[in-house]
Amino acid sequence: MAEFCDTHAHLDDPVFAPDLPQIIERARTAGVARIISVGTSLASSQNAIRLSEQYPNIFAVVGWHPSDASEAPDDLRPDLQKLAAHPKCVAIGEIGLDYSQLPSKQPGGNPADDVPIKLKQAALFKQQLEVAAETGLNCVIHQREAFEDAVAILKPFHGKLRAVFHCFVESPELARRILDAGHLVSFTGIVTFKNGKNVRETLKSIPLGRFMIETDCPYLAPTPYRGKRCEPAFLIETARAIAELKGCSLDELARAANTAANEFFIKLRRS
């Protein structure tokens, strides 16, 4: 049976607390052999580390999500460096920029009110990229309605780290810019959605080995589970859809996706 790695899950989400052992077992049975649990704050990142200590097949990514940048300390770096030193911490993330909820996007909103929020997100993003570069880890990028700014902030770190743009929904042209810079993209269950045609077109344009697969659970459950709580076992439905789009077998897809994950998450391949 083809075995996959769910490269982006949020296993510390409270919705998983009642049956987490069963969730992990269902993933194993479905062929999801490894799961990377991604933090969104210091507390969430600490939880991801604890889960990685509890389960041999779980690994952690630590970082602070841009949507909660206003709650972050002025200097996150010391705390993040401590978490990054853990042997099962495989990347820094989920970090980046999110402009989807800016004040100017709201009825009657004032664009001037966007400025301090953007500045705080940018400062937090840069701090975490610095930690990634210093610790030799790559980073997991969240960007929503902020592609150009995210790429601009990432650019000075070229050659010091690689990034994966997770839950990628942009055009083939933007994907090519990311790949040409030496980075990766990652796809979720959106590739199975009826309204996911644009994502499928982008996926078709990217060679095997240049993208990873994730659930982003508990969000974005693929068809036929759409609308339900997503979990790592559902990755197989996304993988089947991707294999069909790419015209390859599940085994071929698994080999390519696992190679990409092992090369990107450096400490993952050492485990």
Protein backbone atom coordinates (compact mmCIF):
# COMPACT_ATOMS: atom_id res chain seq x y z
CA MET A 1 0.00 0.00 0.00
CA ALA A 2 1.24 3.48 -0.86
CA GLU A 3 2.23 5.44 2.25
CA PHE A 4 1.99 9.21 2.50
CA CYS A 5 2.98 12.02 4.85
CA ASP A 6 0.34 14.58 5.82
CA THR A 7 2.66 17.57 5.68
CA HIS A 8 0.29 20.07 7.31
CA ALA A 9 -2.20 19.21 10.05
CA HIS A 10 -3.37 21.00 13.19
CA LEU A 11 -3.65 18.06 15.57
CA ASP A 12 -3.66 20.33 18.62
CA ASP A 13 -7.03 21.74 17.59
CA PRO A 14 -9.56 21.10 20.38
CA VAL A 15 -11.91 19.28 17.99
CA PHE A 16 -9.42 16.39 17.92
CA ALA A 17 -9.05 16.05 21.68
CA PRO A 18 -11.86 13.51 22.29
CA ASP A 19 -10.54 10.86 19.87
CA LEU A 20 -6.99 11.73 18.85
CA PRO A 21 -5.58 8.19 19.30
CA GLN A 22 -8.31 6.82 17.04
CA ILE A 23 -7.64 9.57 14.48
CA ILE A 24 -3.97 8.67 14.35
CA GLU A 25 -4.78 4.97 14.01
CA ARG A 26 -7.25 5.65 11.19
CA ALA A 27 -4.54 7.61 9.41
CA ARG A 28 -2.09 4.72 9.74
CA THR A 29 -4.67 2.25 8.44
CA ALA A 30 -5.42 4.51 5.47
CA GLY A 31 -1.74 4.75 4.50
CA VAL A 32 -0.81 8.08 6.11
CA ALA A 33 2.33 6.93 7.90
CA ARG A 34 3.59 10.32 9.13
CA ILE A 35 1.83 13.50 10.21
CA ILE A 36 3.32 16.96 10.68
CA SER A 37 1.42 19.01 13.26
CA VAL A 38 1.76 22.74 12.64
CA GLY A 39 1.68 25.42 15.32
CA THR A 40 -0.07 28.77 15.08
CA SER A 41 1.15 30.39 18.33
CA LEU A 42 3.65 29.59 21.07
CA ALA A 43 1.06 27.57 22.98
CA SER A 44 -0.03 25.74 19.84
CA SER A 45 3.59 25.09 18.89
CA GLN A 46 4.32 23.71 22.35
CA ASN A 47 1.34 21.40 21.94
CA ALA A 48 2.70 20.24 18.57
CA ILE A 49 6.03 19.43 20.24
CA ARG A 50 4.25 17.47 22.99
CA LEU A 51 2.31 15.47 20.43
CA SER A 52 5.54 14.67 18.60
CA GLU A 53 6.97 13.34 21.86
CA GLN A 54 3.89 11.24 22.50
CA TYR A 55 3.58 9.66 19.04
CA PRO A 56 6.56 8.34 17.05
CA ASN A 57 4.97 9.18 13.68
CA ILE A 58 4.10 12.80 14.52
CA PHE A 59 6.50 15.68 13.91
CA ALA A 60 6.17 19.38 14.77
CA VAL A 61 6.37 22.69 12.97
CA VAL A 62 6.54 25.73 15.24
CA GLY A 63 5.57 29.32 14.57
CA TRP A 64 3.01 32.12 14.91
CA HIS A 65 0.21 32.58 12.39
CA PRO A 66 -0.14 36.06 10.83
CA SER A 67 -3.86 36.28 11.57
CA ASP A 68 -2.99 36.42 15.27
CA ALA A 69 -0.02 38.77 14.88
CA SER A 70 -1.56 41.38 17.18
CA GLU A 71 -1.28 38.93 20.08
CA ALA A 72 2.37 38.04 19.44
CA PRO A 73 5.17 39.35 21.68
CA ASP A 74 7.34 42.14 20.32
CA ASP A 75 10.24 39.71 19.95
CA LEU A 76 9.21 36.12 19.37
CA ARG A 77 12.68 34.91 18.46
CA PRO A 78 14.03 33.67 21.82
CA ASP A 79 11.01 31.47 22.53
CA LEU A 80 10.84 30.22 18.96
CA GLN A 81 14.54 29.32 18.94
CA LYS A 82 14.03 27.09 21.99
CA LEU A 83 11.16 25.24 20.32
CA ALA A 84 13.07 24.94 17.04
CA ALA A 85 15.90 23.13 18.81
CA HIS A 86 13.68 20.15 19.59
CA PRO A 87 14.80 17.07 17.63
CA LYS A 88 11.32 16.51 16.21
CA CYS A 89 10.75 20.12 15.14
CA VAL A 90 11.14 19.94 11.36
CA ALA A 91 10.34 23.50 10.21
CA ILE A 92 9.24 27.01 11.20
CA GLY A 93 5.60 27.76 10.47
CA GLU A 94 2.88 28.54 9.86
CA ILE A 95 4.18 32.03 9.15
CA GLY A 96 3.51 34.73 6.59
CA LEU A 97 0.93 37.39 5.76
CA ASP A 98 -2.87 37.43 5.70
CA TYR A 99 -4.66 40.47 4.34
CA SER A 100 -8.09 38.87 4.01
CA GLN A 101 -9.54 40.45 7.16
CA LEU A 102 -8.00 43.92 7.04
CA PRO A 103 -10.18 46.85 8.18
CA SER A 104 -10.36 48.19 4.61
CA LYS A 105 -12.05 44.93 3.56
CA GLN A 106 -14.94 45.61 5.92
CA PRO A 107 -17.94 47.86 5.08
CA GLY A 108 -16.90 51.45 5.64
CA GLY A 109 -13.37 50.39 6.48
CA ASN A 110 -10.47 52.83 6.35
CA PRO A 111 -7.30 51.74 4.46
CA ALA A 112 -5.22 53.78 6.90
CA ASP A 113 -6.17 51.30 9.60
CA ASP A 114 -4.52 48.52 7.57
CA VAL A 115 -1.04 49.98 7.99
CA PRO A 116 -0.24 48.99 11.61
CA ILE A 117 -1.63 45.51 11.04
CA LYS A 118 0.49 44.98 7.93
CA LEU A 119 3.57 46.30 9.72
CA LYS A 120 3.03 43.96 12.67
CA GLN A 121 2.52 40.96 10.37
CA ALA A 122 5.64 41.84 8.37
CA ALA A 123 7.77 42.24 11.49
CA LEU A 124 6.59 38.91 12.87
CA PHE A 125 7.19 37.21 9.52
CA LYS A 126 10.75 38.56 9.31
CA GLN A 127 11.57 37.51 12.87
CA GLN A 128 10.49 33.95 12.15
CA LEU A 129 12.40 33.82 8.87
CA GLU A 130 15.47 34.91 10.81
CA VAL A 131 15.00 32.04 13.26
CA ALA A 132 14.55 29.61 10.37
CA ALA A 133 17.78 30.78 8.76
CA GLU A 134 19.69 30.67 12.05
CA THR A 135 18.50 27.19 12.97
CA GLY A 136 18.89 25.66 9.51
CA LEU A 137 15.18 24.93 9.18
CA ASN A 138 12.91 25.61 6.24
CA CYS A 139 9.59 27.38 6.64
CA VAL A 140 5.90 26.84 5.99
CA ILE A 141 4.28 29.93 4.47
CA HIS A 142 0.70 31.11 4.85
CA GLN A 143 -0.25 33.88 2.49
CA ARG A 144 -3.75 35.06 1.73
CA GLU A 145 -4.36 38.03 -0.53
CA ALA A 146 -0.74 39.06 0.13
CA PHE A 147 1.34 37.18 -2.43
CA GLU A 148 3.59 39.99 -3.65
CA ASP A 149 4.38 41.28 -0.17
CA ALA A 150 5.08 37.75 1.09
CA VAL A 151 7.46 37.05 -1.79
CA ALA A 152 9.21 40.40 -1.24
CA ILE A 153 9.82 39.67 2.46
CA LEU A 154 11.04 36.16 1.66
CA LYS A 155 13.43 37.27 -1.10
CA PRO A 156 16.36 38.45 1.12
CA PHE A 157 16.49 34.94 2.61
CA HIS A 158 17.18 33.33 -0.77
CA GLY A 159 19.87 30.70 -0.35
CA LYS A 160 19.45 30.64 3.44
CA LEU A 161 16.23 28.62 3.56
CA ARG A 162 13.47 27.13 1.45
CA ALA A 163 9.75 27.69 1.82
CA VAL A 164 6.61 25.76 1.04
CA PHE A 165 3.54 27.85 0.22
CA HIS A 166 0.91 25.72 1.88
CA CYS A 167 -2.71 25.32 0.75
CA PHE A 168 -1.77 26.74 -2.63
CA VAL A 169 -4.63 28.17 -4.67
CA GLU A 170 -2.84 30.61 -6.97
CA SER A 171 -2.27 30.52 -10.73
CA PRO A 172 0.25 28.39 -12.64
CA GLU A 173 2.23 31.58 -13.29
CA LEU A 174 2.60 32.38 -9.59
CA ALA A 175 3.42 28.75 -8.86
CA ARG A 176 6.21 28.92 -11.44
CA ARG A 177 7.70 31.98 -9.71
CA ILE A 178 7.81 30.06 -6.44
CA LEU A 179 9.36 26.97 -8.01
CA ASP A 180 11.91 29.02 -9.95
CA ALA A 181 13.05 30.53 -6.64
CA GLY A 182 13.71 27.04 -5.29
CA HIS A 183 10.62 26.77 -3.12
CA LEU A 184 7.66 24.35 -3.12
CA VAL A 185 3.89 24.48 -3.02
CA SER A 186 1.45 22.20 -1.25
CA PHE A 187 -2.10 21.14 -2.11
CA THR A 188 -5.11 20.32 0.07
CA GLY A 189 -8.53 18.76 -0.45
CA ILE A 190 -9.50 21.83 -2.48
CA VAL A 191 -8.27 19.90 -5.53
CA THR A 192 -11.35 17.67 -5.11
CA PHE A 193 -13.87 20.52 -4.84
CA LYS A 194 -16.26 21.25 -7.70
CA ASN A 195 -15.16 24.90 -7.57
CA GLY A 196 -11.46 23.94 -7.43
CA LYS A 197 -10.88 23.97 -11.20
CA ASN A 198 -8.25 26.72 -10.97
CA VAL A 199 -6.30 24.74 -8.36
CA ARG A 200 -6.44 21.63 -10.54
CA GLU A 201 -5.09 23.61 -13.49
CA THR A 202 -2.17 24.82 -11.38
CA LEU A 203 -1.51 21.31 -10.13
CA LYS A 204 -1.37 19.98 -13.68
CA SER A 205 1.41 22.46 -14.46
CA ILE A 206 3.72 21.35 -11.63
CA PRO A 207 6.00 18.31 -12.00
CA LEU A 208 5.94 15.43 -9.54
CA GLY A 209 8.45 16.06 -6.78
CA ARG A 210 7.89 19.84 -6.74
CA PHE A 211 4.80 19.80 -4.53
CA MET A 212 3.62 18.24 -1.29
CA ILE A 213 0.20 17.05 -0.10
CA GLU A 214 -1.58 18.08 3.09
CA THR A 215 -4.96 18.05 4.78
CA ASP A 216 -4.76 21.34 6.75
CA CYS A 217 -7.11 19.44 9.06
CA PRO A 218 -9.50 20.03 10.71
CA TYR A 219 -10.26 22.28 7.72
CA LEU A 220 -10.88 21.64 4.01
CA ALA A 221 -12.06 18.04 4.09
CA PRO A 222 -11.91 16.62 0.56
CA THR A 223 -14.81 15.15 -1.34
CA PRO A 224 -16.61 12.91 -0.28
CA TYR A 225 -16.14 14.29 3.26
CA ARG A 226 -16.59 17.95 2.46
CA GLY A 227 -18.33 19.81 5.27
CA LYS A 228 -17.15 17.34 7.90
CA ARG A 229 -14.22 17.57 10.29
CA CYS A 230 -11.14 16.82 8.25
CA GLU A 231 -8.53 14.39 9.58
CA PRO A 232 -5.24 12.97 8.28
CA ALA A 233 -6.78 9.75 6.95
CA PHE A 234 -8.66 11.86 4.40
CA LEU A 235 -5.36 12.71 2.70
CA ILE A 236 -5.80 9.56 0.64
CA GLU A 237 -8.84 11.01 -1.13
CA THR A 238 -6.79 14.06 -2.10
CA ALA A 239 -3.92 11.82 -3.21
CA ARG A 240 -6.24 9.76 -5.42
CA ALA A 241 -7.53 12.91 -7.10
CA ILE A 242 -3.99 14.20 -7.65
CA ALA A 243 -2.79 10.88 -9.07
CA GLU A 244 -5.66 10.91 -11.55
CA LEU A 245 -4.88 14.48 -12.59
CA LYS A 246 -1.18 13.69 -13.01
CA GLY A 247 -1.81 10.40 -14.79
CA CYS A 248 0.29 8.38 -12.36
CA SER A 249 -0.25 5.60 -9.84
CA LEU A 250 -0.67 6.19 -6.11
CA ASP A 251 2.70 4.50 -5.57
CA GLU A 252 4.42 6.89 -7.99
CA LEU A 253 2.77 9.88 -6.34
CA ALA A 254 3.71 8.65 -2.87
CA ARG A 255 7.36 8.22 -3.85
CA ALA A 256 7.53 11.72 -5.34
CA ALA A 257 5.65 13.38 -2.48
CA ASN A 258 7.70 11.59 0.18
CA THR A 259 10.95 12.53 -1.55
CA ALA A 260 9.85 16.17 -1.61
CA ALA A 261 8.90 16.05 2.08
CA ASN A 262 12.12 14.31 3.14
CA GLU A 263 14.26 16.82 1.24
CA PHE A 264 12.34 19.82 2.57
CA PHE A 265 11.85 18.81 6.21
CA ILE A 266 15.51 18.09 6.87
CA LYS A 267 15.11 16.49 10.31
CA LEU A 268 12.24 14.33 9.03
CA ARG A 269 14.58 12.25 6.91
CA ARG A 270 16.91 11.74 9.86
CA SER A 271 14.19 10.14 11.98
